[in-house]
Amino acid sequence: MSESSNPPSLLGQAILDAIREAVKEALREVGANGKPQELLAPEELAKRLKLPVSWVYEQSRQGNIPTHRLGRYIRFDLHEVLASQKKS
């Protein structure tokens, strides 16, 4: 029987709980503007920047804009993206 089919051990569950808490804490962090950090989906970022969604995906893929990965999902902080473009 493979290890992946067994339920998580107490240590494994504790690690998963710690990771979940770290992600929750990161999402609660305060952004540069003093407001809670808001992570946007690619479509939301594109709408706010008035750019095509394809631009958002391409810039993320090339590493030109800061991208936060949450599992298989990508999210963006509008303020980080704007700051990264000012440096360019």
N, C-alpha and C. Protein backbone atom coordinates (compact mmCIF):
# COMPACT_ATOMS: atom_id res chain seq x y z
N MET A 1 0.84 -1.18 0.00
CA MET A 1 0.00 0.00 0.00
C MET A 1 0.89 1.24 0.00
N SER A 2 0.56 2.22 -0.83
CA SER A 2 1.41 3.41 -0.92
C SER A 2 1.13 4.36 0.23
N GLU A 3 2.11 5.18 0.53
CA GLU A 3 2.01 6.12 1.64
C GLU A 3 0.92 7.16 1.38
N SER A 4 0.69 7.52 0.11
CA SER A 4 -0.28 8.56 -0.21
C SER A 4 -1.71 8.13 0.05
N SER A 5 -1.99 6.82 0.15
CA SER A 5 -3.35 6.36 0.39
C SER A 5 -3.69 6.33 1.88
N ASN A 6 -2.69 6.46 2.75
CA ASN A 6 -2.92 6.48 4.19
C ASN A 6 -3.38 7.86 4.62
N PRO A 7 -4.23 7.93 5.64
CA PRO A 7 -4.61 9.26 6.15
C PRO A 7 -3.39 9.94 6.75
N PRO A 8 -3.38 11.28 6.78
CA PRO A 8 -2.21 11.99 7.32
C PRO A 8 -1.97 11.62 8.78
N SER A 9 -0.71 11.50 9.14
CA SER A 9 -0.35 11.26 10.54
C SER A 9 -0.60 12.53 11.33
N LEU A 10 -0.47 12.43 12.63
CA LEU A 10 -0.65 13.62 13.47
C LEU A 10 0.35 14.70 13.10
N LEU A 11 1.60 14.30 12.83
CA LEU A 11 2.62 15.27 12.43
C LEU A 11 2.26 15.88 11.08
N GLY A 12 1.85 15.02 10.14
CA GLY A 12 1.45 15.50 8.82
C GLY A 12 0.27 16.46 8.91
N GLN A 13 -0.70 16.15 9.75
CA GLN A 13 -1.86 17.02 9.93
C GLN A 13 -1.45 18.34 10.56
N ALA A 14 -0.51 18.28 11.51
CA ALA A 14 -0.02 19.51 12.15
C ALA A 14 0.67 20.40 11.12
N ILE A 15 1.42 19.80 10.21
CA ILE A 15 2.10 20.57 9.17
C ILE A 15 1.08 21.20 8.24
N LEU A 16 0.06 20.42 7.83
CA LEU A 16 -1.00 20.96 6.97
C LEU A 16 -1.72 22.11 7.66
N ASP A 17 -2.01 21.97 8.94
CA ASP A 17 -2.68 23.03 9.68
C ASP A 17 -1.81 24.29 9.75
N ALA A 18 -0.49 24.10 9.93
CA ALA A 18 0.43 25.24 9.98
C ALA A 18 0.49 25.95 8.64
N ILE A 19 0.47 25.19 7.56
CA ILE A 19 0.48 25.79 6.22
C ILE A 19 -0.80 26.57 5.99
N ARG A 20 -1.92 25.98 6.35
CA ARG A 20 -3.20 26.68 6.19
C ARG A 20 -3.22 27.99 6.97
N GLU A 21 -2.71 27.96 8.19
CA GLU A 21 -2.68 29.16 9.02
C GLU A 21 -1.75 30.22 8.42
N ALA A 22 -0.61 29.78 7.86
CA ALA A 22 0.32 30.73 7.23
C ALA A 22 -0.33 31.40 6.02
N VAL A 23 -1.09 30.64 5.23
CA VAL A 23 -1.78 31.22 4.08
C VAL A 23 -2.83 32.21 4.54
N LYS A 24 -3.60 31.85 5.57
CA LYS A 24 -4.61 32.77 6.10
C LYS A 24 -3.96 34.06 6.59
N GLU A 25 -2.84 33.93 7.29
CA GLU A 25 -2.12 35.09 7.82
C GLU A 25 -1.62 35.98 6.68
N ALA A 26 -1.09 35.36 5.65
CA ALA A 26 -0.60 36.13 4.50
C ALA A 26 -1.73 36.90 3.84
N LEU A 27 -2.90 36.32 3.79
CA LEU A 27 -4.04 36.99 3.18
C LEU A 27 -4.55 38.13 4.05
N ARG A 28 -4.27 38.08 5.35
CA ARG A 28 -4.71 39.14 6.26
C ARG A 28 -3.71 40.29 6.35
N GLU A 29 -2.53 40.11 5.77
CA GLU A 29 -1.50 41.14 5.89
C GLU A 29 -1.99 42.47 5.34
N VAL A 30 -1.47 43.51 5.90
CA VAL A 30 -1.84 44.85 5.47
C VAL A 30 -0.94 45.26 4.31
N GLY A 31 -1.56 45.81 3.28
CA GLY A 31 -0.82 46.27 2.11
C GLY A 31 -0.15 47.61 2.36
N ALA A 32 0.54 48.12 1.37
CA ALA A 32 1.28 49.38 1.49
C ALA A 32 0.36 50.57 1.75
N ASN A 33 -0.89 50.48 1.32
CA ASN A 33 -1.81 51.61 1.50
C ASN A 33 -2.53 51.59 2.84
N GLY A 34 -2.17 50.66 3.75
CA GLY A 34 -2.78 50.59 5.06
C GLY A 34 -4.07 49.80 5.10
N LYS A 35 -4.52 49.31 3.96
CA LYS A 35 -5.73 48.50 3.89
C LYS A 35 -5.32 47.03 3.79
N PRO A 36 -6.22 46.13 4.16
CA PRO A 36 -5.88 44.71 4.00
C PRO A 36 -5.55 44.40 2.55
N GLN A 37 -4.55 43.56 2.37
CA GLN A 37 -4.10 43.20 1.03
C GLN A 37 -5.22 42.45 0.32
N GLU A 38 -5.54 42.87 -0.90
CA GLU A 38 -6.57 42.22 -1.69
C GLU A 38 -5.91 41.54 -2.88
N LEU A 39 -6.08 40.24 -2.97
CA LEU A 39 -5.52 39.51 -4.09
C LEU A 39 -6.59 39.37 -5.16
N LEU A 40 -6.21 39.69 -6.39
CA LEU A 40 -7.14 39.68 -7.51
C LEU A 40 -6.90 38.50 -8.43
N ALA A 41 -7.97 37.97 -8.98
CA ALA A 41 -7.87 36.94 -10.02
C ALA A 41 -7.37 37.63 -11.29
N PRO A 42 -6.82 36.87 -12.24
CA PRO A 42 -6.32 37.47 -13.49
C PRO A 42 -7.37 38.33 -14.20
N GLU A 43 -8.60 37.87 -14.22
CA GLU A 43 -9.66 38.63 -14.89
C GLU A 43 -9.95 39.96 -14.18
N GLU A 44 -9.89 39.94 -12.85
CA GLU A 44 -10.12 41.16 -12.08
C GLU A 44 -8.99 42.15 -12.29
N LEU A 45 -7.75 41.66 -12.30
CA LEU A 45 -6.61 42.54 -12.53
C LEU A 45 -6.69 43.16 -13.92
N ALA A 46 -7.01 42.36 -14.91
CA ALA A 46 -7.13 42.87 -16.29
C ALA A 46 -8.19 43.96 -16.36
N LYS A 47 -9.30 43.75 -15.70
CA LYS A 47 -10.38 44.74 -15.71
C LYS A 47 -9.93 46.04 -15.05
N ARG A 48 -9.24 45.92 -13.90
CA ARG A 48 -8.78 47.13 -13.19
C ARG A 48 -7.74 47.90 -13.99
N LEU A 49 -6.88 47.18 -14.72
CA LEU A 49 -5.83 47.82 -15.51
C LEU A 49 -6.29 48.20 -16.91
N LYS A 50 -7.51 47.76 -17.26
CA LYS A 50 -8.06 47.99 -18.59
C LYS A 50 -7.14 47.43 -19.68
N LEU A 51 -6.74 46.18 -19.44
CA LEU A 51 -5.87 45.45 -20.36
C LEU A 51 -6.48 44.09 -20.62
N PRO A 52 -6.07 43.44 -21.71
CA PRO A 52 -6.59 42.09 -21.98
C PRO A 52 -6.09 41.08 -20.94
N VAL A 53 -6.92 40.10 -20.66
CA VAL A 53 -6.54 39.04 -19.72
C VAL A 53 -5.30 38.32 -20.23
N SER A 54 -5.16 38.20 -21.55
CA SER A 54 -3.99 37.53 -22.12
C SER A 54 -2.70 38.25 -21.73
N TRP A 55 -2.74 39.58 -21.59
CA TRP A 55 -1.57 40.34 -21.17
C TRP A 55 -1.18 39.93 -19.75
N VAL A 56 -2.18 39.81 -18.86
CA VAL A 56 -1.93 39.45 -17.47
C VAL A 56 -1.25 38.08 -17.39
N TYR A 57 -1.82 37.10 -18.11
CA TYR A 57 -1.24 35.75 -18.09
C TYR A 57 0.18 35.74 -18.67
N GLU A 58 0.39 36.47 -19.76
CA GLU A 58 1.70 36.48 -20.40
C GLU A 58 2.75 37.13 -19.50
N GLN A 59 2.41 38.26 -18.89
CA GLN A 59 3.35 38.95 -18.01
C GLN A 59 3.66 38.11 -16.78
N SER A 60 2.66 37.40 -16.27
CA SER A 60 2.88 36.51 -15.13
C SER A 60 3.80 35.37 -15.53
N ARG A 61 3.54 34.77 -16.67
CA ARG A 61 4.35 33.64 -17.15
C ARG A 61 5.80 34.05 -17.35
N GLN A 62 6.02 35.28 -17.82
CA GLN A 62 7.38 35.76 -18.07
C GLN A 62 8.06 36.30 -16.80
N GLY A 63 7.31 36.37 -15.71
CA GLY A 63 7.87 36.87 -14.46
C GLY A 63 7.99 38.38 -14.41
N ASN A 64 7.23 39.08 -15.25
CA ASN A 64 7.30 40.54 -15.30
C ASN A 64 6.40 41.24 -14.29
N ILE A 65 5.44 40.52 -13.73
CA ILE A 65 4.59 41.08 -12.69
C ILE A 65 4.57 40.11 -11.51
N PRO A 66 4.50 40.65 -10.28
CA PRO A 66 4.47 39.78 -9.10
C PRO A 66 3.22 38.91 -9.09
N THR A 67 3.42 37.63 -8.90
CA THR A 67 2.32 36.67 -8.93
C THR A 67 2.35 35.83 -7.66
N HIS A 68 1.19 35.68 -7.05
CA HIS A 68 1.05 34.84 -5.86
C HIS A 68 0.37 33.55 -6.29
N ARG A 69 1.00 32.43 -5.99
CA ARG A 69 0.43 31.12 -6.33
C ARG A 69 -0.23 30.53 -5.09
N LEU A 70 -1.48 30.15 -5.23
CA LEU A 70 -2.23 29.48 -4.17
C LEU A 70 -2.70 28.16 -4.77
N GLY A 71 -1.88 27.14 -4.57
CA GLY A 71 -2.19 25.87 -5.23
C GLY A 71 -2.05 26.03 -6.73
N ARG A 72 -3.10 25.71 -7.45
CA ARG A 72 -3.05 25.83 -8.92
C ARG A 72 -3.56 27.19 -9.39
N TYR A 73 -3.93 28.06 -8.46
CA TYR A 73 -4.49 29.36 -8.81
C TYR A 73 -3.41 30.44 -8.72
N ILE A 74 -3.56 31.47 -9.54
CA ILE A 74 -2.66 32.62 -9.44
C ILE A 74 -3.49 33.83 -9.07
N ARG A 75 -2.91 34.68 -8.24
CA ARG A 75 -3.57 35.90 -7.79
C ARG A 75 -2.55 37.03 -7.82
N PHE A 76 -3.06 38.25 -7.82
CA PHE A 76 -2.21 39.43 -7.96
C PHE A 76 -2.62 40.49 -6.96
N ASP A 77 -1.63 41.21 -6.44
CA ASP A 77 -1.86 42.39 -5.61
C ASP A 77 -1.71 43.59 -6.53
N LEU A 78 -2.78 44.36 -6.68
CA LEU A 78 -2.78 45.49 -7.62
C LEU A 78 -1.63 46.45 -7.33
N HIS A 79 -1.38 46.74 -6.06
CA HIS A 79 -0.33 47.70 -5.70
C HIS A 79 1.06 47.17 -6.06
N GLU A 80 1.29 45.87 -5.86
CA GLU A 80 2.57 45.28 -6.25
C GLU A 80 2.76 45.32 -7.76
N VAL A 81 1.70 45.04 -8.50
CA VAL A 81 1.79 45.06 -9.97
C VAL A 81 2.10 46.46 -10.46
N LEU A 82 1.38 47.45 -9.93
CA LEU A 82 1.62 48.84 -10.34
C LEU A 82 3.05 49.28 -10.00
N ALA A 83 3.51 48.91 -8.81
CA ALA A 83 4.87 49.28 -8.40
C ALA A 83 5.91 48.62 -9.31
N SER A 84 5.66 47.39 -9.71
CA SER A 84 6.62 46.68 -10.57
C SER A 84 6.70 47.33 -11.95
N GLN A 85 5.58 47.89 -12.41
CA GLN A 85 5.57 48.50 -13.72
C GLN A 85 6.21 49.89 -13.70
N LYS A 86 6.18 50.55 -12.56
CA LYS A 86 6.82 51.86 -12.42
C LYS A 86 8.34 51.71 -12.50
N LYS A 87 8.86 50.57 -12.00
CA LYS A 87 10.30 50.32 -12.01
C LYS A 87 10.81 50.04 -13.40
N SER A 88 9.95 49.53 -14.27
CA SER A 88 10.35 49.11 -15.62
C SER A 88 10.70 50.30 -16.49
